[in-house]
Amino acid sequence: RFPKLSGPKVHMEAVVQLGEHYPTPPPEPADLDHAEACTLTVSDYY
């Protein structure tokens, strides 16, 4: 209907950070106090 409006439409934007090496990872997470074992099997989950 309006050919002048034809053209690329952006669907995604991203910024990627580059470096010489990976940064220091965060500390290990704390143990999960009061955590319960999951009763589902992997097959039942998926």
All heavy atoms as atom14 arrays in JSON, in Angstrom:
{
  "sequence": "RFPKLSGPKVHMEAVVQLGEHYPTPPPEPADLDHAEACTLTVSDYY",
  "atom14_mask": [
    [1, 1, 1, 1, 1, 1, 1, 1, 1, 1, 1, 0, 0, 0],
    [1, 1, 1, 1, 1, 1, 1, 1, 1, 1, 1, 0, 0, 0],
    [1, 1, 1, 1, 1, 1, 1, 0, 0, 0, 0, 0, 0, 0],
    [1, 1, 1, 1, 1, 1, 1, 1, 1, 0, 0, 0, 0, 0],
    [1, 1, 1, 1, 1, 1, 1, 1, 0, 0, 0, 0, 0, 0],
    [1, 1, 1, 1, 1, 1, 0, 0, 0, 0, 0, 0, 0, 0],
    [1, 1, 1, 1, 0, 0, 0, 0, 0, 0, 0, 0, 0, 0],
    [1, 1, 1, 1, 1, 1, 1, 0, 0, 0, 0, 0, 0, 0],
    [1, 1, 1, 1, 1, 1, 1, 1, 1, 0, 0, 0, 0, 0],
    [1, 1, 1, 1, 1, 1, 1, 0, 0, 0, 0, 0, 0, 0],
    [1, 1, 1, 1, 1, 1, 1, 1, 1, 1, 0, 0, 0, 0],
    [1, 1, 1, 1, 1, 1, 1, 1, 0, 0, 0, 0, 0, 0],
    [1, 1, 1, 1, 1, 1, 1, 1, 1, 0, 0, 0, 0, 0],
    [1, 1, 1, 1, 1, 0, 0, 0, 0, 0, 0, 0, 0, 0],
    [1, 1, 1, 1, 1, 1, 1, 0, 0, 0, 0, 0, 0, 0],
    [1, 1, 1, 1, 1, 1, 1, 0, 0, 0, 0, 0, 0, 0],
    [1, 1, 1, 1, 1, 1, 1, 1, 1, 0, 0, 0, 0, 0],
    [1, 1, 1, 1, 1, 1, 1, 1, 0, 0, 0, 0, 0, 0],
    [1, 1, 1, 1, 0, 0, 0, 0, 0, 0, 0, 0, 0, 0],
    [1, 1, 1, 1, 1, 1, 1, 1, 1, 0, 0, 0, 0, 0],
    [1, 1, 1, 1, 1, 1, 1, 1, 1, 1, 0, 0, 0, 0],
    [1, 1, 1, 1, 1, 1, 1, 1, 1, 1, 1, 1, 0, 0],
    [1, 1, 1, 1, 1, 1, 1, 0, 0, 0, 0, 0, 0, 0],
    [1, 1, 1, 1, 1, 1, 1, 0, 0, 0, 0, 0, 0, 0],
    [1, 1, 1, 1, 1, 1, 1, 0, 0, 0, 0, 0, 0, 0],
    [1, 1, 1, 1, 1, 1, 1, 0, 0, 0, 0, 0, 0, 0],
    [1, 1, 1, 1, 1, 1, 1, 0, 0, 0, 0, 0, 0, 0],
    [1, 1, 1, 1, 1, 1, 1, 1, 1, 0, 0, 0, 0, 0],
    [1, 1, 1, 1, 1, 1, 1, 0, 0, 0, 0, 0, 0, 0],
    [1, 1, 1, 1, 1, 0, 0, 0, 0, 0, 0, 0, 0, 0],
    [1, 1, 1, 1, 1, 1, 1, 1, 0, 0, 0, 0, 0, 0],
    [1, 1, 1, 1, 1, 1, 1, 1, 0, 0, 0, 0, 0, 0],
    [1, 1, 1, 1, 1, 1, 1, 1, 0, 0, 0, 0, 0, 0],
    [1, 1, 1, 1, 1, 1, 1, 1, 1, 1, 0, 0, 0, 0],
    [1, 1, 1, 1, 1, 0, 0, 0, 0, 0, 0, 0, 0, 0],
    [1, 1, 1, 1, 1, 1, 1, 1, 1, 0, 0, 0, 0, 0],
    [1, 1, 1, 1, 1, 0, 0, 0, 0, 0, 0, 0, 0, 0],
    [1, 1, 1, 1, 1, 1, 0, 0, 0, 0, 0, 0, 0, 0],
    [1, 1, 1, 1, 1, 1, 1, 0, 0, 0, 0, 0, 0, 0],
    [1, 1, 1, 1, 1, 1, 1, 1, 0, 0, 0, 0, 0, 0],
    [1, 1, 1, 1, 1, 1, 1, 0, 0, 0, 0, 0, 0, 0],
    [1, 1, 1, 1, 1, 1, 1, 0, 0, 0, 0, 0, 0, 0],
    [1, 1, 1, 1, 1, 1, 0, 0, 0, 0, 0, 0, 0, 0],
    [1, 1, 1, 1, 1, 1, 1, 1, 0, 0, 0, 0, 0, 0],
    [1, 1, 1, 1, 1, 1, 1, 1, 1, 1, 1, 1, 0, 0],
    [1, 1, 1, 1, 1, 1, 1, 1, 1, 1, 1, 1, 0, 0]
  ],
  "atom14_positions": [
    [[0.82, -1.22, 0.0], [0.0, 0.0, 0.0], [0.85, 1.26, 0.0], [0.53, 2.24, -0.66], [-0.93, -0.03, 1.21], [-1.93, 1.07, 1.19], [-2.99, 0.85, 2.23], [-3.9, 1.99, 2.25], [-4.69, 2.27, 3.24], [-4.72, 1.48, 4.3], [-5.48, 3.31, 3.2], [0.0, 0.0, 0.0], [0.0, 0.0, 0.0], [0.0, 0.0, 0.0]],
    [[1.93, 1.26, 0.77], [2.82, 2.41, 0.86], [4.25, 1.93, 0.61], [5.01, 1.69, 1.55], [2.73, 3.08, 2.24], [1.36, 3.56, 2.58], [0.58, 2.86, 3.51], [0.83, 4.69, 1.98], [-0.69, 3.3, 3.83], [-0.45, 5.13, 2.3], [-1.22, 4.44, 3.22], [0.0, 0.0, 0.0], [0.0, 0.0, 0.0], [0.0, 0.0, 0.0]],
    [[4.65, 1.78, -0.65], [5.96, 1.21, -0.99], [7.14, 1.93, -0.34], [8.16, 1.29, -0.05], [6.02, 1.33, -2.51], [4.6, 1.41, -2.95], [3.86, 2.09, -1.85], [0.0, 0.0, 0.0], [0.0, 0.0, 0.0], [0.0, 0.0, 0.0], [0.0, 0.0, 0.0], [0.0, 0.0, 0.0], [0.0, 0.0, 0.0], [0.0, 0.0, 0.0]],
    [[7.03, 3.21, -0.09], [8.14, 3.93, 0.54], [8.39, 3.46, 1.97], [9.45, 3.72, 2.54], [7.88, 5.44, 0.52], [7.98, 6.05, -0.85], [7.79, 7.55, -0.81], [7.92, 8.12, -2.21], [7.75, 9.57, -2.22], [0.0, 0.0, 0.0], [0.0, 0.0, 0.0], [0.0, 0.0, 0.0], [0.0, 0.0, 0.0], [0.0, 0.0, 0.0]],
    [[7.4, 2.79, 2.56], [7.56, 2.27, 3.91], [8.13, 0.84, 3.92], [8.32, 0.25, 4.98], [6.23, 2.3, 4.66], [5.62, 3.69, 4.88], [4.28, 3.57, 5.57], [6.58, 4.58, 5.67], [0.0, 0.0, 0.0], [0.0, 0.0, 0.0], [0.0, 0.0, 0.0], [0.0, 0.0, 0.0], [0.0, 0.0, 0.0], [0.0, 0.0, 0.0]],
    [[8.39, 0.3, 2.74], [9.01, -1.03, 2.66], [10.46, -0.93, 3.12], [11.11, 0.11, 2.97], [8.98, -1.54, 1.21], [7.67, -1.74, 0.78], [0.0, 0.0, 0.0], [0.0, 0.0, 0.0], [0.0, 0.0, 0.0], [0.0, 0.0, 0.0], [0.0, 0.0, 0.0], [0.0, 0.0, 0.0], [0.0, 0.0, 0.0], [0.0, 0.0, 0.0]],
    [[10.96, -2.0, 3.65], [12.36, -2.02, 4.06], [12.57, -2.95, 5.24], [11.66, -3.66, 5.67], [0.0, 0.0, 0.0], [0.0, 0.0, 0.0], [0.0, 0.0, 0.0], [0.0, 0.0, 0.0], [0.0, 0.0, 0.0], [0.0, 0.0, 0.0], [0.0, 0.0, 0.0], [0.0, 0.0, 0.0], [0.0, 0.0, 0.0], [0.0, 0.0, 0.0]],
    [[13.79, -2.94, 5.78], [14.09, -3.84, 6.89], [13.38, -3.4, 8.18], [13.29, -2.22, 8.48], [15.6, -3.75, 7.05], [16.0, -2.5, 6.36], [14.95, -2.17, 5.35], [0.0, 0.0, 0.0], [0.0, 0.0, 0.0], [0.0, 0.0, 0.0], [0.0, 0.0, 0.0], [0.0, 0.0, 0.0], [0.0, 0.0, 0.0], [0.0, 0.0, 0.0]],
    [[12.86, -4.41, 8.89], [12.25, -4.18, 10.2], [13.11, -4.92, 11.22], [13.33, -6.13, 11.11], [10.83, -4.72, 10.23], [10.18, -4.61, 11.6], [8.8, -5.24, 11.61], [8.24, -5.23, 13.03], [7.02, -6.05, 13.14], [0.0, 0.0, 0.0], [0.0, 0.0, 0.0], [0.0, 0.0, 0.0], [0.0, 0.0, 0.0], [0.0, 0.0, 0.0]],
    [[13.61, -4.19, 12.21], [14.47, -4.79, 13.24], [13.63, -5.63, 14.18], [12.63, -5.17, 14.74], [15.24, -3.69, 14.01], [16.03, -4.31, 15.16], [16.17, -2.94, 13.07], [0.0, 0.0, 0.0], [0.0, 0.0, 0.0], [0.0, 0.0, 0.0], [0.0, 0.0, 0.0], [0.0, 0.0, 0.0], [0.0, 0.0, 0.0], [0.0, 0.0, 0.0]],
    [[14.05, -6.88, 14.36], [13.35, -7.81, 15.26], [14.14, -8.08, 16.54], [13.58, -8.53, 17.53], [13.1, -9.14, 14.55], [12.06, -9.05, 13.49], [10.74, -9.34, 13.71], [12.14, -8.68, 12.18], [10.05, -9.17, 12.6], [10.88, -8.77, 11.65], [0.0, 0.0, 0.0], [0.0, 0.0, 0.0], [0.0, 0.0, 0.0], [0.0, 0.0, 0.0]],
    [[15.46, -7.81, 16.53], [16.29, -8.09, 17.7], [17.44, -7.1, 17.74], [17.99, -6.73, 16.71], [16.85, -9.51, 17.61], [17.74, -9.96, 18.75], [19.53, -9.56, 18.65], [20.07, -10.48, 17.27], [0.0, 0.0, 0.0], [0.0, 0.0, 0.0], [0.0, 0.0, 0.0], [0.0, 0.0, 0.0], [0.0, 0.0, 0.0], [0.0, 0.0, 0.0]],
    [[17.78, -6.68, 18.96], [18.96, -5.85, 19.18], [19.77, -6.47, 20.31], [19.2, -6.97, 21.28], [18.57, -4.43, 19.57], [17.84, -3.67, 18.5], [17.36, -2.3, 18.96], [17.18, -2.1, 20.17], [17.18, -1.45, 18.08], [0.0, 0.0, 0.0], [0.0, 0.0, 0.0], [0.0, 0.0, 0.0], [0.0, 0.0, 0.0], [0.0, 0.0, 0.0]],
    [[21.08, -6.43, 20.17], [21.95, -6.99, 21.2], [23.24, -6.19, 21.26], [23.64, -5.56, 20.29], [22.25, -8.46, 20.92], [0.0, 0.0, 0.0], [0.0, 0.0, 0.0], [0.0, 0.0, 0.0], [0.0, 0.0, 0.0], [0.0, 0.0, 0.0], [0.0, 0.0, 0.0], [0.0, 0.0, 0.0], [0.0, 0.0, 0.0], [0.0, 0.0, 0.0]],
    [[23.88, -6.26, 22.41], [25.24, -5.75, 22.59], [26.07, -6.9, 23.12], [25.7, -7.54, 24.11], [25.29, -4.55, 23.55], [26.73, -4.14, 23.82], [24.48, -3.38, 23.0], [0.0, 0.0, 0.0], [0.0, 0.0, 0.0], [0.0, 0.0, 0.0], [0.0, 0.0, 0.0], [0.0, 0.0, 0.0], [0.0, 0.0, 0.0], [0.0, 0.0, 0.0]],
    [[27.17, -7.17, 22.44], [28.07, -8.26, 22.83], [29.36, -7.64, 23.35], [29.94, -6.78, 22.71], [28.38, -9.19, 21.62], [29.33, -10.3, 22.02], [27.09, -9.75, 21.04], [0.0, 0.0, 0.0], [0.0, 0.0, 0.0], [0.0, 0.0, 0.0], [0.0, 0.0, 0.0], [0.0, 0.0, 0.0], [0.0, 0.0, 0.0], [0.0, 0.0, 0.0]],
    [[29.78, -8.06, 24.55], [31.04, -7.57, 25.13], [32.17, -8.52, 24.76], [32.02, -9.74, 24.84], [30.95, -7.49, 26.65], [30.11, -6.36, 27.14], [30.1, -6.33, 28.66], [29.93, -7.35, 29.31], [30.3, -5.16, 29.22], [0.0, 0.0, 0.0], [0.0, 0.0, 0.0], [0.0, 0.0, 0.0], [0.0, 0.0, 0.0], [0.0, 0.0, 0.0]],
    [[33.3, -7.93, 24.38], [34.49, -8.7, 24.02], [35.6, -8.44, 25.02], [35.63, -7.4, 25.67], [34.97, -8.29, 22.63], [33.94, -8.37, 21.5], [34.49, -7.69, 20.26], [33.58, -9.81, 21.23], [0.0, 0.0, 0.0], [0.0, 0.0, 0.0], [0.0, 0.0, 0.0], [0.0, 0.0, 0.0], [0.0, 0.0, 0.0], [0.0, 0.0, 0.0]],
    [[36.52, -9.37, 25.15], [37.66, -9.19, 26.02], [38.78, -10.15, 25.65], [38.64, -10.95, 24.72], [0.0, 0.0, 0.0], [0.0, 0.0, 0.0], [0.0, 0.0, 0.0], [0.0, 0.0, 0.0], [0.0, 0.0, 0.0], [0.0, 0.0, 0.0], [0.0, 0.0, 0.0], [0.0, 0.0, 0.0], [0.0, 0.0, 0.0], [0.0, 0.0, 0.0]],
    [[39.86, -10.05, 26.39], [41.0, -10.94, 26.15], [40.78, -12.3, 26.8], [41.29, -13.31, 26.33], [42.3, -10.3, 26.69], [42.66, -9.0, 25.99], [42.85, -9.16, 24.49], [43.41, -10.18, 24.06], [42.42, -8.26, 23.75], [0.0, 0.0, 0.0], [0.0, 0.0, 0.0], [0.0, 0.0, 0.0], [0.0, 0.0, 0.0], [0.0, 0.0, 0.0]],
    [[40.02, -12.33, 27.91], [39.75, -13.57, 28.62], [38.47, -13.39, 29.43], [37.99, -12.28, 29.61], [40.92, -13.97, 29.52], [41.37, -12.85, 30.42], [40.7, -12.5, 31.57], [42.4, -11.98, 30.3], [41.31, -11.47, 32.13], [42.34, -11.13, 31.38], [0.0, 0.0, 0.0], [0.0, 0.0, 0.0], [0.0, 0.0, 0.0], [0.0, 0.0, 0.0]],
    [[37.96, -14.5, 29.92], [36.73, -14.46, 30.72], [36.99, -13.77, 32.05], [38.07, -13.91, 32.63], [36.21, -15.87, 30.98], [35.76, -16.6, 29.74], [36.48, -17.67, 29.25], [34.61, -16.19, 29.07], [36.07, -18.33, 28.1], [34.2, -16.84, 27.92], [34.93, -17.91, 27.45], [34.53, -18.55, 26.32], [0.0, 0.0, 0.0], [0.0, 0.0, 0.0]],
    [[36.01, -13.02, 32.56], [36.18, -12.4, 33.87], [36.16, -13.47, 34.97], [35.76, -14.62, 34.75], [34.98, -11.46, 33.99], [33.96, -12.01, 33.04], [34.73, -12.7, 31.95], [0.0, 0.0, 0.0], [0.0, 0.0, 0.0], [0.0, 0.0, 0.0], [0.0, 0.0, 0.0], [0.0, 0.0, 0.0], [0.0, 0.0, 0.0], [0.0, 0.0, 0.0]],
    [[36.58, -13.1, 36.16], [36.54, -14.0, 37.31], [35.09, -14.4, 37.58], [34.22, -13.53, 37.64], [37.14, -13.31, 38.55], [38.46, -12.88, 38.22], [37.16, -14.25, 39.74], [0.0, 0.0, 0.0], [0.0, 0.0, 0.0], [0.0, 0.0, 0.0], [0.0, 0.0, 0.0], [0.0, 0.0, 0.0], [0.0, 0.0, 0.0], [0.0, 0.0, 0.0]],
    [[34.82, -15.68, 37.72], [33.43, -16.1, 37.95], [32.95, -15.67, 39.33], [33.76, -15.46, 40.25], [33.49, -17.62, 37.84], [34.9, -17.98, 38.15], [35.74, -16.82, 37.68], [0.0, 0.0, 0.0], [0.0, 0.0, 0.0], [0.0, 0.0, 0.0], [0.0, 0.0, 0.0], [0.0, 0.0, 0.0], [0.0, 0.0, 0.0], [0.0, 0.0, 0.0]],
    [[31.63, -15.56, 39.51], [31.1, -15.23, 40.83], [31.35, -16.39, 41.79], [31.63, -17.52, 41.37], [29.6, -15.04, 40.57], [29.31, -15.8, 39.32], [30.57, -15.76, 38.51], [0.0, 0.0, 0.0], [0.0, 0.0, 0.0], [0.0, 0.0, 0.0], [0.0, 0.0, 0.0], [0.0, 0.0, 0.0], [0.0, 0.0, 0.0], [0.0, 0.0, 0.0]],
    [[31.24, -16.14, 43.09], [31.45, -17.23, 44.06], [30.37, -18.3, 43.91], [29.28, -18.04, 43.4], [31.35, -16.53, 45.42], [30.6, -15.27, 45.16], [30.89, -14.89, 43.74], [0.0, 0.0, 0.0], [0.0, 0.0, 0.0], [0.0, 0.0, 0.0], [0.0, 0.0, 0.0], [0.0, 0.0, 0.0], [0.0, 0.0, 0.0], [0.0, 0.0, 0.0]],
    [[30.71, -19.5, 44.36], [29.75, -20.6, 44.34], [28.52, -20.21, 45.16], [28.65, -19.58, 46.21], [30.37, -21.85, 44.97], [31.37, -22.54, 44.09], [30.71, -23.35, 43.0], [29.64, -23.94, 43.22], [31.28, -23.37, 41.89], [0.0, 0.0, 0.0], [0.0, 0.0, 0.0], [0.0, 0.0, 0.0], [0.0, 0.0, 0.0], [0.0, 0.0, 0.0]],
    [[27.32, -20.57, 44.7], [26.13, -20.25, 45.48], [26.11, -21.04, 46.79], [26.72, -22.12, 46.89], [24.97, -20.67, 44.58], [25.56, -21.58, 43.57], [27.01, -21.25, 43.45], [0.0, 0.0, 0.0], [0.0, 0.0, 0.0], [0.0, 0.0, 0.0], [0.0, 0.0, 0.0], [0.0, 0.0, 0.0], [0.0, 0.0, 0.0], [0.0, 0.0, 0.0]],
    [[25.42, -20.5, 47.77], [25.29, -21.16, 49.07], [24.48, -22.44, 48.92], [23.71, -22.6, 47.97], [24.62, -20.22, 50.06], [0.0, 0.0, 0.0], [0.0, 0.0, 0.0], [0.0, 0.0, 0.0], [0.0, 0.0, 0.0], [0.0, 0.0, 0.0], [0.0, 0.0, 0.0], [0.0, 0.0, 0.0], [0.0, 0.0, 0.0], [0.0, 0.0, 0.0]],
    [[24.67, -23.35, 49.88], [23.87, -24.57, 49.88], [22.4, -24.19, 50.0], [22.05, -23.18, 50.59], [24.27, -25.48, 51.04], [25.58, -26.19, 50.77], [25.94, -26.34, 49.59], [26.24, -26.58, 51.74], [0.0, 0.0, 0.0], [0.0, 0.0, 0.0], [0.0, 0.0, 0.0], [0.0, 0.0, 0.0], [0.0, 0.0, 0.0], [0.0, 0.0, 0.0]],
    [[21.56, -25.04, 49.44], [20.12, -24.79, 49.48], [19.54, -25.39, 50.75], [19.19, -26.57, 50.8], [19.44, -25.4, 48.25], [19.84, -24.81, 46.91], [19.18, -25.59, 45.77], [19.47, -23.35, 46.83], [0.0, 0.0, 0.0], [0.0, 0.0, 0.0], [0.0, 0.0, 0.0], [0.0, 0.0, 0.0], [0.0, 0.0, 0.0], [0.0, 0.0, 0.0]],
    [[19.47, -24.58, 51.79], [18.86, -25.04, 53.04], [17.37, -25.31, 52.79], [16.71, -24.59, 52.06], [19.01, -23.98, 54.14], [20.46, -23.77, 54.52], [21.25, -24.72, 54.35], [20.8, -22.65, 54.94], [0.0, 0.0, 0.0], [0.0, 0.0, 0.0], [0.0, 0.0, 0.0], [0.0, 0.0, 0.0], [0.0, 0.0, 0.0], [0.0, 0.0, 0.0]],
    [[16.88, -26.33, 53.38], [15.46, -26.7, 53.29], [15.03, -27.11, 51.88], [13.84, -27.1, 51.58], [14.55, -25.56, 53.78], [14.99, -24.95, 55.07], [15.02, -25.65, 56.25], [15.43, -23.71, 55.35], [15.46, -24.86, 57.21], [15.72, -23.67, 56.69], [0.0, 0.0, 0.0], [0.0, 0.0, 0.0], [0.0, 0.0, 0.0], [0.0, 0.0, 0.0]],
    [[15.96, -27.43, 51.02], [15.6, -27.85, 49.66], [15.06, -29.27, 49.69], [15.48, -30.1, 50.48], [16.8, -27.77, 48.74], [0.0, 0.0, 0.0], [0.0, 0.0, 0.0], [0.0, 0.0, 0.0], [0.0, 0.0, 0.0], [0.0, 0.0, 0.0], [0.0, 0.0, 0.0], [0.0, 0.0, 0.0], [0.0, 0.0, 0.0], [0.0, 0.0, 0.0]],
    [[14.1, -29.51, 48.83], [13.5, -30.83, 48.72], [13.91, -31.46, 47.4], [14.06, -30.77, 46.4], [11.98, -30.73, 48.78], [11.45, -30.2, 50.09], [9.93, -30.08, 50.08], [9.29, -30.63, 49.17], [9.41, -29.43, 50.99], [0.0, 0.0, 0.0], [0.0, 0.0, 0.0], [0.0, 0.0, 0.0], [0.0, 0.0, 0.0], [0.0, 0.0, 0.0]],
    [[14.08, -32.77, 47.42], [14.38, -33.48, 46.18], [13.16, -33.44, 45.28], [12.03, -33.55, 45.74], [14.76, -34.93, 46.48], [0.0, 0.0, 0.0], [0.0, 0.0, 0.0], [0.0, 0.0, 0.0], [0.0, 0.0, 0.0], [0.0, 0.0, 0.0], [0.0, 0.0, 0.0], [0.0, 0.0, 0.0], [0.0, 0.0, 0.0], [0.0, 0.0, 0.0]],
    [[13.39, -33.24, 44.01], [12.3, -33.21, 43.05], [11.79, -34.64, 42.87], [12.57, -35.57, 42.71], [12.77, -32.63, 41.73], [11.41, -32.38, 40.58], [0.0, 0.0, 0.0], [0.0, 0.0, 0.0], [0.0, 0.0, 0.0], [0.0, 0.0, 0.0], [0.0, 0.0, 0.0], [0.0, 0.0, 0.0], [0.0, 0.0, 0.0], [0.0, 0.0, 0.0]],
    [[10.48, -34.81, 42.91], [9.91, -36.16, 42.83], [9.66, -36.61, 41.4], [9.4, -37.78, 41.17], [8.58, -36.22, 43.61], [7.68, -35.24, 43.07], [8.81, -35.96, 45.1], [0.0, 0.0, 0.0], [0.0, 0.0, 0.0], [0.0, 0.0, 0.0], [0.0, 0.0, 0.0], [0.0, 0.0, 0.0], [0.0, 0.0, 0.0], [0.0, 0.0, 0.0]],
    [[9.74, -35.69, 40.43], [9.55, -36.06, 39.03], [10.8, -36.75, 38.48], [11.91, -36.45, 38.9], [9.31, -34.82, 38.17], [8.01, -34.07, 38.31], [8.08, -32.77, 37.53], [6.86, -34.92, 37.82], [0.0, 0.0, 0.0], [0.0, 0.0, 0.0], [0.0, 0.0, 0.0], [0.0, 0.0, 0.0], [0.0, 0.0, 0.0], [0.0, 0.0, 0.0]],
    [[10.58, -37.64, 37.53], [11.72, -38.16, 36.78], [12.02, -37.16, 35.65], [11.18, -36.33, 35.3], [11.4, -39.54, 36.16], [10.38, -39.38, 35.18], [10.98, -40.53, 37.23], [0.0, 0.0, 0.0], [0.0, 0.0, 0.0], [0.0, 0.0, 0.0], [0.0, 0.0, 0.0], [0.0, 0.0, 0.0], [0.0, 0.0, 0.0], [0.0, 0.0, 0.0]],
    [[13.21, -37.26, 35.08], [13.56, -36.39, 33.97], [12.58, -36.58, 32.82], [12.12, -35.62, 32.2], [15.02, -36.64, 33.52], [15.33, -35.88, 32.24], [15.99, -36.26, 34.63], [0.0, 0.0, 0.0], [0.0, 0.0, 0.0], [0.0, 0.0, 0.0], [0.0, 0.0, 0.0], [0.0, 0.0, 0.0], [0.0, 0.0, 0.0], [0.0, 0.0, 0.0]],
    [[12.22, -37.81, 32.53], [11.28, -38.11, 31.46], [9.92, -37.46, 31.74], [9.33, -36.84, 30.86], [11.13, -39.62, 31.29], [10.18, -39.91, 30.3], [0.0, 0.0, 0.0], [0.0, 0.0, 0.0], [0.0, 0.0, 0.0], [0.0, 0.0, 0.0], [0.0, 0.0, 0.0], [0.0, 0.0, 0.0], [0.0, 0.0, 0.0], [0.0, 0.0, 0.0]],
    [[9.42, -37.61, 32.97], [8.14, -36.99, 33.33], [8.2, -35.48, 33.24], [7.23, -34.82, 32.87], [7.72, -37.38, 34.75], [7.29, -38.84, 34.85], [6.99, -39.44, 33.8], [7.27, -39.36, 35.98], [0.0, 0.0, 0.0], [0.0, 0.0, 0.0], [0.0, 0.0, 0.0], [0.0, 0.0, 0.0], [0.0, 0.0, 0.0], [0.0, 0.0, 0.0]],
    [[9.35, -34.91, 33.57], [9.51, -33.46, 33.49], [9.36, -32.98, 32.05], [8.59, -32.08, 31.75], [10.87, -33.05, 34.04], [11.15, -31.58, 33.88], [10.53, -30.65, 34.68], [12.01, -31.13, 32.89], [10.78, -29.29, 34.53], [12.26, -29.78, 32.72], [11.64, -28.86, 33.55], [11.87, -27.53, 33.37], [0.0, 0.0, 0.0], [0.0, 0.0, 0.0]],
    [[10.1, -33.58, 31.13], [10.06, -33.13, 29.75], [8.76, -33.49, 29.03], [8.27, -32.73, 28.21], [11.25, -33.67, 28.96], [12.52, -32.91, 29.23], [13.62, -33.53, 29.83], [12.63, -31.57, 28.91], [14.79, -32.83, 30.07], [13.79, -30.85, 29.16], [14.86, -31.49, 29.74], [16.01, -30.78, 29.99], [0.0, 0.0, 0.0], [0.0, 0.0, 0.0]]
  ]
}
